[in-house]
Amino acid sequence: MPLKLYKRGKVWWISGTVHGQAVRESTRTHDKEVAEAIRVKKEAGLVSDHVFGPKATRTFAQAVESYLKAGGDARFIGGLDDGLLCHFYDTPLKDIQQNDLDDAARKLYPTAQPETRNRQCYTPFVAVWNHAVKNGWADVRQWSRPKKPKGTNVVRITKRRAGTFPVEYEHAARFIAAMSPGPAMLMTTLFYTGMRPIELFALEAGEVNVTGRWISLYKTKTGEPRGIPMHEFLVPIFTSLLKRPGLDKEPRLFRTPRGEPYEQIATDEEGRGGGGLKSAINGARRRSGIKDIAPYTGRHSCSTGLVVAGVHPHIKDQILGHAADDMSRHYTHVPQAPLIEAINKLPVPDAWHALPWLEDPLAWSGRLAEGTGRRTDLEKRREA
């Protein structure tokens, strides 16, 4: 039965079955000619899938569209006029080889360093490819990434960017002390879980098990669920935030000082796209004089801190979400003692323990640090 158009309200819809594949979806257009073109393309695609299989017909553009609909990160994907999407647009996935990806990186970022090409070209491409693999549109493939030049004759003197390296926890504590309580709680959690900022922005009350010292994370950058152990230092923070009124309507735990959930904007290692943390970070830098901390610093510091504490690499990778085999996903919601024991090895400096908002995190969450606008809540608290 071929696909047919029918009108529902002012919008045209497609309905029918082609080679056993049932379709009922909106064309999202009022224009019948446009709707007919969409219908023809959809039907042709279903016929091609039946005859040749999806691996032979799916294009990079189709993979990107599906990836973004599934919640993938649009940053660095580009559009119809530039970036990866423009470069590979109608190219069938089966025709893209390693040299094609390397060529795209050179053309899109001709003067960039290897790490920049990796972050802005290879990483988003591989994310789209892996999504296509899950859909059965492409084969699993190990893509090679650019490497830094080796050899003692290669010297690059560049300034390290905040968020691309770890810091000592004593140093981080001084920075956190200069933040308003709300963002300070979020940054503290980043340092003691190793979570990505975008994961913590989306964290919901139902994903936190304080009694079991466990966070079951289902909204991740990679799209794969994982379980995260809760450091004992975070227990009073989560216990307090879980008492926030209205969590049944807006379940996200961490809020700005105005009580609004943080925007779920992807944050890179340089701190760009901070999803509402940018102002808090800049303010703390100004007040503390510390310039080398960004949202991603917590993840790097957590990783390094676990290594220094002698935690086994496999345990460390599980905590950070680097090891996500099929079996581990079955237990994302089950507290695992070895991981909880490992995370508790991260040090908690006295300066962090002494932060006044720890006495009642929820009550302090709406206050602002001294020097923030006209509010000097922390200054008044110290004078008291």
Protein backbone atom coordinates (compact mmCIF):
# COMPACT_ATOMS: atom_id res chain seq x y z
CA MET A 1 0.00 0.00 0.00
CA PRO A 2 1.69 3.26 -1.07
CA LEU A 3 1.89 6.22 1.24
CA LYS A 4 -0.95 8.71 1.01
CA LEU A 5 -1.54 12.28 2.11
CA TYR A 6 -4.39 13.35 4.29
CA LYS A 7 -5.15 16.61 6.02
CA ARG A 8 -5.47 16.98 9.75
CA GLY A 9 -6.48 20.51 10.59
CA LYS A 10 -4.28 22.71 8.43
CA VAL A 11 -1.31 20.32 8.27
CA TRP A 12 -0.75 17.46 5.81
CA TRP A 13 0.06 14.02 7.18
CA ILE A 14 1.51 10.87 5.60
CA SER A 15 0.00 7.45 6.23
CA GLY A 16 0.43 3.97 4.79
CA THR A 17 2.57 0.84 4.75
CA VAL A 18 5.47 0.13 2.41
CA HIS A 19 7.08 -3.33 2.47
CA GLY A 20 5.82 -3.96 5.99
CA GLN A 21 6.96 -0.60 7.37
CA ALA A 22 3.99 1.35 8.72
CA VAL A 23 4.14 5.15 8.56
CA ARG A 24 1.93 7.78 10.15
CA GLU A 25 3.64 11.12 10.58
CA SER A 26 3.17 14.83 10.00
CA THR A 27 4.83 16.65 7.11
CA ARG A 28 4.70 19.81 9.25
CA THR A 29 3.56 21.87 6.29
CA HIS A 30 0.34 23.48 5.05
CA ASP A 31 1.55 23.41 1.44
CA LYS A 32 0.26 20.37 -0.44
CA GLU A 33 3.04 20.47 -3.06
CA VAL A 34 5.70 20.48 -0.40
CA ALA A 35 3.88 17.71 1.46
CA GLU A 36 3.72 15.63 -1.73
CA ALA A 37 7.47 16.01 -2.25
CA ILE A 38 8.05 14.84 1.32
CA ARG A 39 5.73 11.87 0.76
CA VAL A 40 7.57 10.83 -2.42
CA LYS A 41 10.96 11.10 -0.74
CA LYS A 42 9.76 9.11 2.28
CA GLU A 43 8.31 6.35 0.13
CA ALA A 44 11.42 6.15 -2.03
CA GLY A 45 13.53 5.83 1.08
CA LEU A 46 11.44 2.96 2.41
CA VAL A 47 11.67 1.14 -0.93
CA SER A 48 15.45 1.61 -1.01
CA ASP A 49 15.74 0.34 2.55
CA HIS A 50 13.79 -2.78 1.60
CA VAL A 51 15.82 -3.46 -1.55
CA PHE A 52 19.31 -2.44 -0.48
CA GLY A 53 19.11 -2.17 3.33
CA PRO A 54 19.53 1.03 5.42
CA LYS A 55 23.31 0.68 5.56
CA ALA A 56 23.44 1.16 1.81
CA THR A 57 21.16 4.18 1.67
CA ARG A 58 21.48 6.34 4.78
CA THR A 59 23.31 9.63 4.33
CA PHE A 60 25.28 11.68 6.82
CA ALA A 61 22.52 14.32 6.82
CA GLN A 62 19.93 11.70 7.81
CA ALA A 63 22.20 10.47 10.58
CA VAL A 64 22.67 14.03 11.87
CA GLU A 65 18.92 14.65 11.83
CA SER A 66 18.25 11.51 13.86
CA TYR A 67 21.16 12.25 16.22
CA LEU A 68 19.85 15.74 17.00
CA LYS A 69 16.27 14.50 17.47
CA ALA A 70 17.63 12.01 20.02
CA GLY A 71 19.12 14.87 22.02
CA GLY A 72 22.62 14.94 20.52
CA ASP A 73 24.86 17.97 20.91
CA ALA A 74 24.49 20.33 17.93
CA ARG A 75 27.67 22.21 18.69
CA PHE A 76 30.30 21.85 15.93
CA ILE A 77 27.86 19.94 13.69
CA GLY A 78 27.39 23.01 11.52
CA GLY A 79 24.56 23.78 9.14
CA LEU A 80 23.67 23.70 5.47
CA ASP A 81 26.31 26.32 4.65
CA ASP A 82 29.23 25.28 6.80
CA GLY A 83 30.68 22.65 9.12
CA LEU A 84 30.46 18.87 9.09
CA LEU A 85 26.84 18.74 7.97
CA CYS A 86 27.55 20.84 4.89
CA HIS A 87 30.75 18.93 4.07
CA PHE A 88 29.25 15.42 4.15
CA TYR A 89 25.58 16.29 3.60
CA ASP A 90 24.31 13.78 0.98
CA THR A 91 27.26 11.43 1.26
CA PRO A 92 26.12 7.87 2.07
CA LEU A 93 27.56 6.70 5.38
CA LYS A 94 28.96 3.60 3.67
CA ASP A 95 31.14 5.80 1.44
CA ILE A 96 32.82 7.77 4.23
CA GLN A 97 36.30 6.50 4.98
CA GLN A 98 39.09 7.60 7.33
CA ASN A 99 40.79 9.71 4.66
CA ASP A 100 37.48 11.52 4.01
CA LEU A 101 37.21 12.47 7.68
CA ASP A 102 40.85 13.59 7.75
CA ASP A 103 40.26 15.67 4.62
CA ALA A 104 37.18 17.28 6.19
CA ALA A 105 39.18 18.23 9.29
CA ARG A 106 41.90 19.85 7.19
CA LYS A 107 39.42 21.82 5.08
CA LEU A 108 37.20 22.92 7.95
CA TYR A 109 40.05 23.79 10.33
CA PRO A 110 43.13 24.46 8.14
CA THR A 111 45.14 26.35 10.78
CA ALA A 112 43.93 24.54 13.92
CA GLN A 113 46.08 22.47 16.25
CA PRO A 114 45.45 18.67 16.46
CA GLU A 115 43.53 18.94 19.74
CA THR A 116 41.22 21.57 18.24
CA ARG A 117 40.52 19.43 15.17
CA ASN A 118 39.84 16.50 17.46
CA ARG A 119 37.36 18.43 19.60
CA GLN A 120 35.57 20.32 16.84
CA CYS A 121 35.58 17.80 13.98
CA TYR A 122 36.44 14.24 14.96
CA THR A 123 34.47 14.12 18.23
CA PRO A 124 31.12 15.34 16.80
CA PHE A 125 31.56 13.16 13.69
CA VAL A 126 32.18 10.04 15.79
CA ALA A 127 29.15 10.88 17.98
CA VAL A 128 26.92 11.01 14.88
CA TRP A 129 28.50 7.83 13.50
CA ASN A 130 27.97 5.89 16.74
CA HIS A 131 24.33 7.00 16.76
CA ALA A 132 23.98 5.68 13.21
CA VAL A 133 25.51 2.37 14.32
CA LYS A 134 22.86 2.03 17.05
CA ASN A 135 20.17 2.54 14.42
CA GLY A 136 21.66 -0.16 12.21
CA TRP A 137 22.63 2.36 9.53
CA ALA A 138 26.40 1.92 9.73
CA ASP A 139 29.02 -0.58 10.84
CA VAL A 140 31.09 -0.25 14.00
CA ARG A 141 34.36 1.37 13.08
CA GLN A 142 37.46 2.51 14.97
CA TRP A 143 38.18 6.03 13.75
CA SER A 144 41.70 7.40 14.14
CA ARG A 145 42.07 10.84 15.64
CA PRO A 146 44.82 13.45 15.19
CA LYS A 147 47.78 13.17 17.50
CA LYS A 148 50.06 15.78 18.93
CA PRO A 149 53.51 15.91 17.32
CA LYS A 150 56.12 13.84 19.10
CA GLY A 151 59.84 14.38 19.51
CA THR A 152 62.10 16.67 21.48
CA ASN A 153 62.52 18.98 18.51
CA VAL A 154 58.84 19.97 18.64
CA VAL A 155 58.18 22.78 21.11
CA ARG A 156 54.87 24.53 21.56
CA ILE A 157 54.73 27.32 24.09
CA THR A 158 51.08 28.11 24.65
CA LYS A 159 49.05 29.31 27.59
CA ARG A 160 46.99 26.56 29.17
CA ARG A 161 43.29 27.28 29.12
CA ALA A 162 41.21 27.00 32.28
CA GLY A 163 39.18 23.80 32.30
CA THR A 164 41.73 21.71 30.40
CA PHE A 165 43.80 20.57 33.41
CA PRO A 166 43.30 19.64 37.10
CA VAL A 167 44.02 21.79 40.14
CA GLU A 168 44.72 20.99 43.78
CA TYR A 169 41.64 20.75 45.97
CA GLU A 170 43.03 23.36 48.40
CA HIS A 171 43.30 25.76 45.47
CA ALA A 172 39.77 24.91 44.29
CA ALA A 173 38.38 25.49 47.81
CA ARG A 174 39.60 29.10 47.77
CA PHE A 175 37.86 29.65 44.44
CA ILE A 176 34.59 28.04 45.57
CA ALA A 177 34.62 30.24 48.70
CA ALA A 178 34.40 33.29 46.42
CA MET A 179 31.25 32.03 44.67
CA SER A 180 27.61 32.60 45.56
CA PRO A 181 26.23 29.53 47.42
CA GLY A 182 24.01 28.24 44.57
CA PRO A 183 26.71 27.90 41.90
CA ALA A 184 29.23 26.95 44.61
CA MET A 185 27.13 23.87 45.42
CA LEU A 186 27.05 22.90 41.75
CA MET A 187 30.82 23.37 41.34
CA THR A 188 31.47 21.43 44.55
CA THR A 189 29.45 18.53 43.17
CA LEU A 190 31.46 18.62 39.94
CA PHE A 191 34.71 18.28 41.91
CA TYR A 192 33.40 15.37 44.02
CA THR A 193 31.60 13.35 41.34
CA GLY A 194 33.58 14.00 38.14
CA MET A 195 30.30 14.64 36.30
CA ARG A 196 30.16 16.75 33.17
CA PRO A 197 28.51 20.16 33.74
CA ILE A 198 25.70 19.44 31.28
CA GLU A 199 24.92 16.21 33.17
CA LEU A 200 24.65 18.05 36.47
CA PHE A 201 22.48 20.80 34.97
CA ALA A 202 19.96 18.10 34.01
CA LEU A 203 20.18 16.06 37.25
CA GLU A 204 16.73 15.33 38.68
CA ALA A 205 15.64 14.53 42.21
CA GLY A 206 14.55 11.00 41.30
CA GLU A 207 18.07 10.13 40.15
CA VAL A 208 19.61 10.76 43.58
CA ASN A 209 19.73 8.10 46.29
CA VAL A 210 21.26 9.72 49.36
CA THR A 211 20.85 6.67 51.58
CA GLY A 212 22.65 4.47 49.08
CA ARG A 213 25.23 7.21 48.26
CA TRP A 214 24.40 6.78 44.58
CA ILE A 215 23.37 8.83 41.54
CA SER A 216 21.68 7.01 38.64
CA LEU A 217 22.35 9.20 35.64
CA TYR A 218 20.20 8.69 32.55
CA LYS A 219 20.83 12.00 30.75
CA THR A 220 24.48 11.94 29.71
CA LYS A 221 26.57 13.53 26.98
CA THR A 222 27.19 10.14 25.38
CA GLY A 223 23.57 9.06 25.70
CA GLU A 224 24.56 6.00 27.75
CA PRO A 225 23.25 5.69 31.34
CA ARG A 226 25.73 5.34 34.20
CA GLY A 227 25.86 5.15 37.96
CA ILE A 228 27.93 7.63 39.98
CA PRO A 229 29.02 7.18 43.62
CA MET A 230 28.27 10.03 46.01
CA HIS A 231 31.15 11.39 48.10
CA GLU A 232 30.21 11.64 51.77
CA PHE A 233 30.93 15.38 51.65
CA LEU A 234 28.01 15.82 49.25
CA VAL A 235 25.45 14.11 51.50
CA PRO A 236 24.33 17.26 53.38
CA ILE A 237 24.09 19.20 50.10
CA PHE A 238 21.85 16.64 48.41
CA THR A 239 19.85 16.01 51.58
CA SER A 240 19.02 19.70 51.80
CA LEU A 241 18.34 20.28 48.09
CA LEU A 242 15.95 17.32 47.98
CA LYS A 243 13.70 19.27 50.37
CA ARG A 244 13.20 22.01 47.77
CA PRO A 245 9.46 22.69 47.27
CA GLY A 246 7.99 21.96 43.85
CA LEU A 247 10.34 19.16 42.79
CA ASP A 248 7.31 17.23 41.58
CA LYS A 249 6.77 19.91 38.92
CA GLU A 250 10.39 20.88 38.20
CA PRO A 251 12.63 17.98 39.32
CA ARG A 252 16.01 19.50 38.46
CA LEU A 253 17.96 19.91 41.69
CA PHE A 254 20.51 22.62 41.03
CA ARG A 255 19.27 26.18 40.58
CA THR A 256 20.67 29.63 40.02
CA PRO A 257 20.49 32.13 42.90
CA ARG A 258 17.18 33.25 41.35
CA GLY A 259 15.79 29.75 41.80
CA GLU A 260 15.79 28.92 38.09
CA PRO A 261 17.16 25.63 36.69
CA TYR A 262 20.44 25.96 34.84
CA GLU A 263 20.13 26.01 31.07
CA GLN A 264 21.19 22.68 29.60
CA ILE A 265 23.88 24.11 27.37
CA ALA A 266 26.89 21.95 26.56
CA THR A 267 30.07 23.19 28.25
CA ASP A 268 33.44 22.43 26.70
CA GLU A 269 36.73 22.09 28.53
CA GLU A 270 37.44 25.79 28.11
CA GLY A 271 34.31 26.74 30.00
CA ARG A 272 32.42 28.04 26.98
CA GLY A 273 28.67 27.49 26.89
CA GLY A 274 28.50 27.40 30.71
CA GLY A 275 24.72 27.15 30.82
CA GLY A 276 24.34 29.94 33.38
CA LEU A 277 27.65 29.37 35.18
CA LYS A 278 29.62 31.87 33.11
CA SER A 279 28.71 34.88 35.25
CA ALA A 280 29.32 32.96 38.48
CA ILE A 281 32.74 31.79 37.24
CA ASN A 282 33.77 35.25 36.09
CA GLY A 283 32.63 36.79 39.36
CA ALA A 284 34.60 34.28 41.43
CA ARG A 285 37.68 34.90 39.29
CA ARG A 286 37.39 38.62 39.92
CA ARG A 287 36.87 38.25 43.66
CA SER A 288 39.47 35.54 44.30
CA GLY A 289 42.12 36.45 41.75
CA ILE A 290 42.14 32.76 40.67
CA LYS A 291 41.90 32.48 36.88
CA ASP A 292 42.59 28.81 36.17
CA ILE A 293 39.26 27.22 37.15
CA ALA A 294 36.30 26.58 34.81
CA PRO A 295 33.31 24.19 34.95
CA TYR A 296 35.30 21.28 33.48
CA THR A 297 38.11 21.68 36.04
CA GLY A 298 36.13 19.59 38.50
CA ARG A 299 36.08 16.59 36.15
CA HIS A 300 39.82 16.79 35.46
CA SER A 301 40.60 17.26 39.17
CA CYS A 302 38.40 14.34 40.19
CA SER A 303 40.11 12.06 37.68
CA THR A 304 43.60 13.10 38.81
CA GLY A 305 42.64 12.94 42.48
CA LEU A 306 41.48 9.33 42.10
CA VAL A 307 44.76 8.40 40.40
CA VAL A 308 46.78 10.06 43.17
CA ALA A 309 44.70 8.19 45.77
CA GLY A 310 45.68 4.88 44.14
CA VAL A 311 42.26 4.02 42.74
CA HIS A 312 42.37 1.26 40.12
CA PRO A 313 42.03 2.66 36.55
CA HIS A 314 38.97 0.49 35.87
CA ILE A 315 37.17 1.91 38.93
CA LYS A 316 38.19 5.45 37.99
CA ASP A 317 36.91 5.00 34.45
CA GLN A 318 33.59 3.65 35.71
CA ILE A 319 33.14 6.68 37.96
CA LEU A 320 33.87 9.10 35.11
CA GLY A 321 31.76 7.20 32.60
CA HIS A 322 34.69 6.06 30.45
CA ALA A 323 33.86 2.38 30.91
CA ALA A 324 30.29 1.77 29.80
CA ASP A 325 30.06 -1.82 28.63
CA ASP A 326 26.69 -3.48 28.21
CA MET A 327 26.86 -5.26 31.56
CA SER A 328 27.63 -2.14 33.61
CA ARG A 329 24.55 -0.41 32.15
CA HIS A 330 22.32 -3.04 33.73
CA TYR A 331 23.48 -1.87 37.17
CA THR A 332 23.44 1.90 36.78
CA HIS A 333 20.87 2.17 39.56
CA VAL A 334 22.59 -0.26 41.96
CA PRO A 335 24.98 1.29 44.53
CA GLN A 336 28.40 -0.33 44.17
CA ALA A 337 30.57 -0.37 47.30
CA PRO A 338 33.98 -0.28 45.54
CA LEU A 339 33.04 2.90 43.66
CA ILE A 340 31.66 4.59 46.79
CA GLU A 341 34.82 3.66 48.70
CA ALA A 342 36.96 5.05 45.85
CA ILE A 343 35.20 8.42 45.55
CA ASN A 344 35.53 9.00 49.30
CA LYS A 345 39.31 9.02 48.86
CA LEU A 346 39.12 12.49 47.33
CA PRO A 347 40.39 15.04 49.90
CA VAL A 348 38.16 17.69 51.47
CA PRO A 349 40.25 20.69 52.63
CA ASP A 350 39.32 22.50 55.85
CA ALA A 351 38.52 25.61 53.80
CA TRP A 352 35.79 23.68 52.00
CA HIS A 353 34.39 22.28 55.27
CA ALA A 354 34.26 25.83 56.65
CA LEU A 355 31.94 27.27 53.99
CA PRO A 356 28.99 28.81 55.87
CA TRP A 357 26.28 27.65 53.45
CA LEU A 358 26.98 24.00 54.34
CA GLU A 359 24.92 24.49 57.51
CA ASP A 360 21.75 24.77 55.40
CA PRO A 361 22.42 24.61 51.62
CA LEU A 362 18.80 25.11 50.54
CA ALA A 363 18.30 28.18 52.73
CA TRP A 364 21.50 29.72 51.39
CA SER A 365 20.97 28.79 47.75
CA GLY A 366 19.32 32.10 46.84
CA ARG A 367 21.97 34.33 48.41
CA LEU A 368 24.73 36.11 46.53
CA ALA A 369 28.43 36.49 47.21
CA GLU A 370 29.78 39.79 48.43
CA GLY A 371 30.43 42.17 45.56
CA THR A 372 27.59 40.71 43.47
CA GLY A 373 25.33 43.56 42.50
CA ARG A 374 24.00 45.28 45.63
CA ARG A 375 23.80 42.10 47.66
CA THR A 376 26.42 41.27 50.30
CA ASP A 377 24.81 38.33 52.07
CA LEU A 378 28.04 36.48 52.73
CA GLU A 379 29.70 39.59 54.08
CA LYS A 380 26.78 40.19 56.45
CA ARG A 381 26.93 36.55 57.55
CA ARG A 382 30.61 36.83 58.42
CA GLU A 383 30.07 40.07 60.36
CA ALA A 384 27.32 38.36 62.35
